[in-house]
Amino acid sequence: MSAATTRSRTQRTPRTPDRLCAEAVGFARAAAEEAAAPGVVGEHVEVVVEGDRVVTHLFECKEPGYRGWRWAVTVARASRAKVVTLDETVLLPGPDALLAPEWVPWSERLRPGDMGPGDLLPTDADDLRLEPGFTGEDAPPPNSVLSEELAERVEAEDAEVTDGAPAEIAPTPARGSLAAVAEELGMRRARVLSRYGLHTAADRWDEGYGAKTPMAQAAPASCVSCGFLVPIGGSLGQAFGVCANEFGPADGHVVSLSYGCGGHSEAAVMPKPPRPAPPVLDETKLDPLPLHPAADTGSVTPPDATEDLGHS
């Protein structure tokens, strides 16, 4: 039998643990208790062969919160040596160990309302909700009123029609750049909402205060006809506004124009027509009513005795 065949059969058969390393249970337990604490290391579970004269002793972990975990103590022995040495001691999860959930980045764990005073929320440079705002340089486009060519032409025209010596003429003020004008008007933002950001915001607002909410289903009318609705600008203003009814459930929130509540400005209840009070009968008093009027009242003339009554 060749050496290659012998080596192949040896690799296919399970390796036998080194006897001295496998018998060093007490030595491994002492190392585990030194790394952990006395009483935390439980019963010996098994011996795992790591290599030639290298084994790992597994012990139960009795520490609260680490159910199913095991203390793993790896020991080794040098060739032709009779002393077992310590390699490492670690705490490893077992097959039925209680593990923490998979780590999720903070940007995916963050939920609306989690931010508090003083908290900072950095935005990624490639956030899909945003897109570059003003991307031009200080130089305006050629067809702009602020272009250098048109500015020079205007200056030349001003010089031709202005009277007086050149020294007496005030210098032409330098025209500001497009970026300066945008900054003065409050429109110079590094990034603005992208179409994706607009759609996600619209979906989120419609889910909270939209037409499909129970409040809107029971409302007498929609917000589009409510006097408490404050319009907003931009493309989102075509479908949303801000509620300004302090007694409404959406006060200060962005609401859909199809949303509604009982605080609608035109939801006043019309007064009912007045109804007369029912008659009151006094049953404790009697009013005498004569059958025939009295003779001295003058309302009825007494009959004449001489008058022909039409009898024979």
Foldseek 3Di string as FASTA:
>chain_A
DDPVVVVVVVVVDDDDEDPLQVPVPVVQVVVQCVVPNPPQWADWDDWADPDHQKIWTWTDGNDPPWPQKTKIWIWGDDPPDNDIGTDDIDIGHHPPTDDDDDDDDPVVVDDPPPDDPPDDDDDDPVDLFKDFFDDDDQADDPPDCLHPVNVVVVVVVCVVPDDDDPVPDDDDDRDGTPLVVCVVVVNDDGIDTDPVNVVVVVVVQCVVANCPDPQLVPFPAFQLPAPQWAADDDPCSVFWTAGCDPPDPRHGHIHTRSGGHPVGNPNDDDDDDDDDDDDDDDPVDDDDDDPDDDPPPPPDDDDDPPDDPPDD
